[in-house]
Amino acid sequence: MGSVKDYFSSLGTGIASLLKGMQVTGKELVTRKITEEYPDNRLDGPAAPRFRAELRLKYDAEGNHKCIACGTCERNCPNGTIKIESKMVDTLTGKKKKLDRYIYDLGSCTFCQLCATTCPTDALEFSNDFEQAVFTRDKLVKKLNYLPEKEEPAPTPEQIAAAEAARQAKIEAAKAAAAKAKAAREAAAKAAEGAADAPVSEK
């Protein structure tokens, strides 16, 4: 008698478990699908918005970037992933450092984002381009300033005249300061001589 009772009890438990499982299956059957159809949808941006895939320079619509070749990102990179090559160019106000080549080794990057967060000009960002599979490691070494570096614009006659006027003003100010300092020294020397020649009174 007990075995029949156990049989129907186990049968009821099995049917309840089956119904519960069918309930979960039916719910998932009508749930929105999240499977990505890669590679058919690789151009739709399936990566998460905060996904870090590859470092790049920010270019504007005119093809300009904001990198000033200060080397902050290169110094802060823990793996030596970044190498900056700069050059000096002549400008109206004198010599100026300018970016020549920005080399980035994706194969050794840890995506810590220290380079982008410490950049003083906000010239760097990480893209969501996750397709980075290559056959050789040397293809992971990339030049981020892929557009030709633009030459410094030629100064206008007004800028040249203003720079010359500023230079002359600095020269005149320096001469005036030197003359004032010389006069002060001479006055101090005369005062010292007068104090030395003065008679000493006896008490």
C-alpha atoms as a PDB file:
ATOM      1  CA  MET A   1       0.000   0.000   0.000  1.00  0.00           C
ATOM      2  CA  GLY A   2       2.860   2.284   0.826  1.00  0.00           C
ATOM      3  CA  SER A   3       4.568   1.698  -2.505  1.00  0.00           C
ATOM      4  CA  VAL A   4       1.431   2.782  -4.436  1.00  0.00           C
ATOM      5  CA  LYS A   5       1.236   5.947  -2.329  1.00  0.00           C
ATOM      6  CA  ASP A   6       4.910   6.694  -2.967  1.00  0.00           C
ATOM      7  CA  TYR A   7       4.394   6.062  -6.684  1.00  0.00           C
ATOM      8  CA  PHE A   8       1.567   8.592  -7.028  1.00  0.00           C
ATOM      9  CA  SER A   9       3.439  11.067  -4.818  1.00  0.00           C
ATOM     10  CA  SER A  10       6.510  10.833  -7.032  1.00  0.00           C
ATOM     11  CA  LEU A  11       4.290  11.082 -10.123  1.00  0.00           C
ATOM     12  CA  GLY A  12       2.676  14.266  -8.796  1.00  0.00           C
ATOM     13  CA  THR A  13       6.078  15.760  -7.962  1.00  0.00           C
ATOM     14  CA  GLY A  14       7.331  14.944 -11.458  1.00  0.00           C
ATOM     15  CA  ILE A  15       4.289  16.505 -13.136  1.00  0.00           C
ATOM     16  CA  ALA A  16       4.670  19.661 -10.977  1.00  0.00           C
ATOM     17  CA  SER A  17       8.353  19.901 -11.884  1.00  0.00           C
ATOM     18  CA  LEU A  18       7.517  19.394 -15.572  1.00  0.00           C
ATOM     19  CA  LEU A  19       4.892  22.132 -15.495  1.00  0.00           C
ATOM     20  CA  LYS A  20       7.325  24.495 -13.782  1.00  0.00           C
ATOM     21  CA  GLY A  21       9.940  23.779 -16.414  1.00  0.00           C
ATOM     22  CA  MET A  22       7.429  24.296 -19.226  1.00  0.00           C
ATOM     23  CA  GLN A  23       6.442  27.609 -17.610  1.00  0.00           C
ATOM     24  CA  VAL A  24      10.073  28.822 -17.737  1.00  0.00           C
ATOM     25  CA  THR A  25      10.422  27.572 -21.312  1.00  0.00           C
ATOM     26  CA  GLY A  26       7.210  29.295 -22.392  1.00  0.00           C
ATOM     27  CA  LYS A  27       8.322  32.554 -20.796  1.00  0.00           C
ATOM     28  CA  GLU A  28      11.674  32.484 -22.593  1.00  0.00           C
ATOM     29  CA  LEU A  29       9.884  31.602 -25.810  1.00  0.00           C
ATOM     30  CA  VAL A  30       8.190  35.002 -25.910  1.00  0.00           C
ATOM     31  CA  THR A  31      11.115  36.991 -24.434  1.00  0.00           C
ATOM     32  CA  ARG A  32      12.986  39.377 -26.776  1.00  0.00           C
ATOM     33  CA  LYS A  33      16.019  37.680 -28.306  1.00  0.00           C
ATOM     34  CA  ILE A  34      19.470  39.034 -27.355  1.00  0.00           C
ATOM     35  CA  THR A  35      21.601  36.814 -29.578  1.00  0.00           C
ATOM     36  CA  GLU A  36      23.848  38.910 -31.856  1.00  0.00           C
ATOM     37  CA  GLU A  37      24.004  37.836 -35.483  1.00  0.00           C
ATOM     38  CA  TYR A  38      27.723  38.325 -35.870  1.00  0.00           C
ATOM     39  CA  PRO A  39      29.268  39.090 -38.349  1.00  0.00           C
ATOM     40  CA  ASP A  40      26.096  40.282 -40.130  1.00  0.00           C
ATOM     41  CA  ASN A  41      25.545  43.057 -37.557  1.00  0.00           C
ATOM     42  CA  ARG A  42      29.180  44.076 -36.971  1.00  0.00           C
ATOM     43  CA  LEU A  43      28.495  47.523 -38.438  1.00  0.00           C
ATOM     44  CA  ASP A  44      25.593  48.172 -36.036  1.00  0.00           C
ATOM     45  CA  GLY A  45      27.825  48.673 -33.006  1.00  0.00           C
ATOM     46  CA  PRO A  46      27.017  45.558 -30.931  1.00  0.00           C
ATOM     47  CA  ALA A  47      29.736  46.404 -28.385  1.00  0.00           C
ATOM     48  CA  ALA A  48      28.827  48.029 -25.085  1.00  0.00           C
ATOM     49  CA  PRO A  49      29.118  51.835 -25.041  1.00  0.00           C
ATOM     50  CA  ARG A  50      31.924  51.752 -22.433  1.00  0.00           C
ATOM     51  CA  PHE A  51      33.830  48.961 -24.172  1.00  0.00           C
ATOM     52  CA  ARG A  52      37.502  49.858 -24.757  1.00  0.00           C
ATOM     53  CA  ALA A  53      38.886  48.393 -27.942  1.00  0.00           C
ATOM     54  CA  GLU A  54      41.520  50.671 -29.471  1.00  0.00           C
ATOM     55  CA  LEU A  55      43.107  54.011 -28.630  1.00  0.00           C
ATOM     56  CA  ARG A  56      42.775  56.755 -31.231  1.00  0.00           C
ATOM     57  CA  LEU A  57      43.272  60.475 -31.721  1.00  0.00           C
ATOM     58  CA  LYS A  58      40.207  62.667 -31.917  1.00  0.00           C
ATOM     59  CA  TYR A  59      40.003  64.345 -35.323  1.00  0.00           C
ATOM     60  CA  ASP A  60      37.529  67.117 -36.089  1.00  0.00           C
ATOM     61  CA  ALA A  61      35.718  67.668 -39.391  1.00  0.00           C
ATOM     62  CA  GLU A  62      38.667  69.667 -40.781  1.00  0.00           C
ATOM     63  CA  GLY A  63      41.159  66.888 -40.021  1.00  0.00           C
ATOM     64  CA  ASN A  64      42.741  68.578 -36.990  1.00  0.00           C
ATOM     65  CA  HIS A  65      43.646  66.926 -33.711  1.00  0.00           C
ATOM     66  CA  LYS A  66      44.432  68.481 -30.330  1.00  0.00           C
ATOM     67  CA  CYS A  67      47.624  66.567 -29.472  1.00  0.00           C
ATOM     68  CA  ILE A  68      50.458  68.934 -28.477  1.00  0.00           C
ATOM     69  CA  ALA A  69      53.104  66.188 -28.091  1.00  0.00           C
ATOM     70  CA  CYS A  70      53.524  66.952 -24.378  1.00  0.00           C
ATOM     71  CA  GLY A  71      54.300  63.283 -23.606  1.00  0.00           C
ATOM     72  CA  THR A  72      51.921  62.969 -20.628  1.00  0.00           C
ATOM     73  CA  CYS A  73      50.253  59.838 -22.027  1.00  0.00           C
ATOM     74  CA  GLU A  74      53.624  58.264 -22.821  1.00  0.00           C
ATOM     75  CA  ARG A  75      54.884  58.823 -19.266  1.00  0.00           C
ATOM     76  CA  ASN A  76      51.673  57.563 -17.626  1.00  0.00           C
ATOM     77  CA  CYS A  77      51.385  54.368 -19.693  1.00  0.00           C
ATOM     78  CA  PRO A  78      52.361  51.444 -17.388  1.00  0.00           C
ATOM     79  CA  ASN A  79      53.427  49.165 -20.265  1.00  0.00           C
ATOM     80  CA  GLY A  80      55.272  51.545 -22.566  1.00  0.00           C
ATOM     81  CA  THR A  81      52.539  51.101 -25.140  1.00  0.00           C
ATOM     82  CA  ILE A  82      52.776  54.683 -26.429  1.00  0.00           C
ATOM     83  CA  LYS A  83      55.745  56.299 -28.163  1.00  0.00           C
ATOM     84  CA  ILE A  84      55.584  59.940 -29.226  1.00  0.00           C
ATOM     85  CA  GLU A  85      57.977  61.444 -31.757  1.00  0.00           C
ATOM     86  CA  SER A  86      57.941  65.231 -31.922  1.00  0.00           C
ATOM     87  CA  LYS A  87      59.705  67.911 -33.924  1.00  0.00           C
ATOM     88  CA  MET A  88      60.436  71.599 -33.472  1.00  0.00           C
ATOM     89  CA  VAL A  89      58.953  74.063 -35.954  1.00  0.00           C
ATOM     90  CA  ASP A  90      59.496  77.792 -36.385  1.00  0.00           C
ATOM     91  CA  THR A  91      56.563  80.033 -35.567  1.00  0.00           C
ATOM     92  CA  LEU A  92      56.054  83.763 -35.274  1.00  0.00           C
ATOM     93  CA  THR A  93      56.703  83.652 -31.538  1.00  0.00           C
ATOM     94  CA  GLY A  94      59.672  81.276 -31.744  1.00  0.00           C
ATOM     95  CA  LYS A  95      60.215  77.515 -31.666  1.00  0.00           C
ATOM     96  CA  LYS A  96      57.248  75.230 -31.044  1.00  0.00           C
ATOM     97  CA  LYS A  97      57.033  71.481 -30.373  1.00  0.00           C
ATOM     98  CA  LYS A  98      54.727  69.643 -32.759  1.00  0.00           C
ATOM     99  CA  LEU A  99      53.621  66.020 -33.095  1.00  0.00           C
ATOM    100  CA  ASP A 100      55.458  64.051 -35.756  1.00  0.00           C
ATOM    101  CA  ARG A 101      54.443  60.404 -35.145  1.00  0.00           C
ATOM    102  CA  TYR A 102      52.135  58.898 -32.510  1.00  0.00           C
ATOM    103  CA  ILE A 103      52.914  55.169 -32.229  1.00  0.00           C
ATOM    104  CA  TYR A 104      50.542  52.882 -30.308  1.00  0.00           C
ATOM    105  CA  ASP A 105      51.090  49.152 -29.658  1.00  0.00           C
ATOM    106  CA  LEU A 106      47.664  47.583 -29.240  1.00  0.00           C
ATOM    107  CA  GLY A 107      49.222  44.205 -28.411  1.00  0.00           C
ATOM    108  CA  SER A 108      50.660  45.434 -25.097  1.00  0.00           C
ATOM    109  CA  CYS A 109      47.821  47.792 -24.122  1.00  0.00           C
ATOM    110  CA  THR A 110      45.964  46.949 -20.898  1.00  0.00           C
ATOM    111  CA  PHE A 111      43.122  49.422 -21.664  1.00  0.00           C
ATOM    112  CA  CYS A 112      43.576  51.142 -18.313  1.00  0.00           C
ATOM    113  CA  GLN A 113      42.656  54.477 -19.971  1.00  0.00           C
ATOM    114  CA  LEU A 114      45.293  56.425 -18.028  1.00  0.00           C
ATOM    115  CA  CYS A 115      46.448  57.988 -21.289  1.00  0.00           C
ATOM    116  CA  ALA A 116      43.014  59.342 -22.163  1.00  0.00           C
ATOM    117  CA  THR A 117      42.070  60.524 -18.664  1.00  0.00           C
ATOM    118  CA  THR A 118      45.345  62.387 -18.063  1.00  0.00           C
ATOM    119  CA  CYS A 119      45.586  64.045 -21.480  1.00  0.00           C
ATOM    120  CA  PRO A 120      45.576  67.822 -20.825  1.00  0.00           C
ATOM    121  CA  THR A 121      43.958  68.634 -24.179  1.00  0.00           C
ATOM    122  CA  ASP A 122      41.418  65.746 -24.296  1.00  0.00           C
ATOM    123  CA  ALA A 123      42.964  64.512 -27.539  1.00  0.00           C
ATOM    124  CA  LEU A 124      42.531  60.754 -26.959  1.00  0.00           C
ATOM    125  CA  GLU A 125      39.656  58.305 -26.708  1.00  0.00           C
ATOM    126  CA  PHE A 126      38.985  54.568 -26.901  1.00  0.00           C
ATOM    127  CA  SER A 127      36.864  53.299 -29.779  1.00  0.00           C
ATOM    128  CA  ASN A 128      34.469  50.332 -29.859  1.00  0.00           C
ATOM    129  CA  ASP A 129      36.171  48.739 -32.867  1.00  0.00           C
ATOM    130  CA  PHE A 130      36.579  45.250 -31.395  1.00  0.00           C
ATOM    131  CA  GLU A 131      37.678  43.501 -34.604  1.00  0.00           C
ATOM    132  CA  GLN A 132      41.410  43.500 -33.974  1.00  0.00           C
ATOM    133  CA  ALA A 133      42.397  39.948 -34.988  1.00  0.00           C
ATOM    134  CA  VAL A 134      45.596  39.888 -37.076  1.00  0.00           C
ATOM    135  CA  PHE A 135      48.096  37.233 -38.142  1.00  0.00           C
ATOM    136  CA  THR A 136      51.283  38.994 -36.964  1.00  0.00           C
ATOM    137  CA  ARG A 137      51.990  41.152 -33.909  1.00  0.00           C
ATOM    138  CA  ASP A 138      53.647  43.924 -35.888  1.00  0.00           C
ATOM    139  CA  LYS A 139      50.264  44.773 -37.404  1.00  0.00           C
ATOM    140  CA  LEU A 140      49.072  45.719 -33.912  1.00  0.00           C
ATOM    141  CA  VAL A 141      51.579  48.601 -33.860  1.00  0.00           C
ATOM    142  CA  LYS A 142      49.679  51.548 -35.295  1.00  0.00           C
ATOM    143  CA  LYS A 143      50.344  55.172 -36.147  1.00  0.00           C
ATOM    144  CA  LEU A 144      47.452  57.131 -34.662  1.00  0.00           C
ATOM    145  CA  ASN A 145      48.076  60.402 -36.511  1.00  0.00           C
ATOM    146  CA  TYR A 146      47.209  58.792 -39.825  1.00  0.00           C
ATOM    147  CA  LEU A 147      46.389  62.105 -41.521  1.00  0.00           C
ATOM    148  CA  PRO A 148      49.293  64.286 -42.737  1.00  0.00           C
ATOM    149  CA  GLU A 149      50.376  66.834 -40.162  1.00  0.00           C
ATOM    150  CA  LYS A 150      49.437  70.319 -41.292  1.00  0.00           C
ATOM    151  CA  GLU A 151      52.049  73.038 -41.656  1.00  0.00           C
ATOM    152  CA  GLU A 152      51.955  76.110 -39.464  1.00  0.00           C
ATOM    153  CA  PRO A 153      49.958  78.878 -41.188  1.00  0.00           C
ATOM    154  CA  ALA A 154      51.994  81.728 -42.637  1.00  0.00           C
ATOM    155  CA  PRO A 155      51.728  84.889 -40.495  1.00  0.00           C
ATOM    156  CA  THR A 156      49.811  87.838 -41.879  1.00  0.00           C
ATOM    157  CA  PRO A 157      51.446  91.299 -42.182  1.00  0.00           C
ATOM    158  CA  GLU A 158      49.342  92.470 -39.237  1.00  0.00           C
ATOM    159  CA  GLN A 159      50.611  89.593 -37.082  1.00  0.00           C
ATOM    160  CA  ILE A 160      54.210  90.314 -38.088  1.00  0.00           C
ATOM    161  CA  ALA A 161      53.789  94.008 -37.229  1.00  0.00           C
ATOM    162  CA  ALA A 162      52.161  93.173 -33.886  1.00  0.00           C
ATOM    163  CA  ALA A 163      54.933  90.715 -33.010  1.00  0.00           C
ATOM    164  CA  GLU A 164      57.608  93.284 -33.912  1.00  0.00           C
ATOM    165  CA  ALA A 165      55.858  95.940 -31.820  1.00  0.00           C
ATOM    166  CA  ALA A 166      55.665  93.539 -28.863  1.00  0.00           C
ATOM    167  CA  ARG A 167      59.348  92.698 -29.265  1.00  0.00           C
ATOM    168  CA  GLN A 168      60.336  96.383 -29.340  1.00  0.00           C
ATOM    169  CA  ALA A 169      58.161  97.049 -26.293  1.00  0.00           C
ATOM    170  CA  LYS A 170      59.947  94.284 -24.381  1.00  0.00           C
ATOM    171  CA  ILE A 171      63.340  95.711 -25.400  1.00  0.00           C
ATOM    172  CA  GLU A 172      62.386  99.222 -24.259  1.00  0.00           C
ATOM    173  CA  ALA A 173      61.003  97.879 -20.985  1.00  0.00           C
ATOM    174  CA  ALA A 174      64.211  95.947 -20.376  1.00  0.00           C
ATOM    175  CA  LYS A 175      66.325  99.043 -21.110  1.00  0.00           C
ATOM    176  CA  ALA A 176      64.216 101.152 -18.746  1.00  0.00           C
ATOM    177  CA  ALA A 177      64.502  98.575 -15.999  1.00  0.00           C
ATOM    178  CA  ALA A 178      68.284  98.378 -16.484  1.00  0.00           C
ATOM    179  CA  ALA A 179      68.625 102.171 -16.388  1.00  0.00           C
ATOM    180  CA  LYS A 180      66.531 102.369 -13.229  1.00  0.00           C
ATOM    181  CA  ALA A 181      68.595  99.690 -11.547  1.00  0.00           C
ATOM    182  CA  LYS A 182      71.831 101.471 -12.564  1.00  0.00           C
ATOM    183  CA  ALA A 183      70.583 104.773 -11.162  1.00  0.00           C
ATOM    184  CA  ALA A 184      69.620 103.086  -7.906  1.00  0.00           C
ATOM    185  CA  ARG A 185      73.098 101.536  -7.620  1.00  0.00           C
ATOM    186  CA  GLU A 186      74.803 104.847  -8.299  1.00  0.00           C
ATOM    187  CA  ALA A 187      72.639 106.634  -5.718  1.00  0.00           C
ATOM    188  CA  ALA A 188      73.428 103.959  -3.149  1.00  0.00           C
ATOM    189  CA  ALA A 189      77.160 104.267  -3.900  1.00  0.00           C
ATOM    190  CA  LYS A 190      77.091 108.088  -3.496  1.00  0.00           C
ATOM    191  CA  ALA A 191      75.206 107.749  -0.234  1.00  0.00           C
ATOM    192  CA  ALA A 192      77.791 105.288   1.021  1.00  0.00           C
ATOM    193  CA  GLU A 193      80.663 107.654   0.034  1.00  0.00           C
ATOM    194  CA  GLY A 194      78.963 110.583   1.768  1.00  0.00           C
ATOM    195  CA  ALA A 195      78.557 108.577   4.944  1.00  0.00           C
ATOM    196  CA  ALA A 196      82.225 107.589   4.862  1.00  0.00           C
ATOM    197  CA  ASP A 197      83.465 111.236   4.370  1.00  0.00           C
ATOM    198  CA  ALA A 198      81.265 112.697   7.132  1.00  0.00           C
ATOM    199  CA  PRO A 199      83.269 113.769  10.271  1.00  0.00           C
ATOM    200  CA  VAL A 200      82.848 111.708  13.355  1.00  0.00           C
ATOM    201  CA  SER A 201      81.788 113.825  16.325  1.00  0.00           C
ATOM    202  CA  GLU A 202      83.530 113.281  19.660  1.00  0.00           C
ATOM    203  CA  LYS A 203      81.540 113.095  22.795  1.00  0.00           C
END
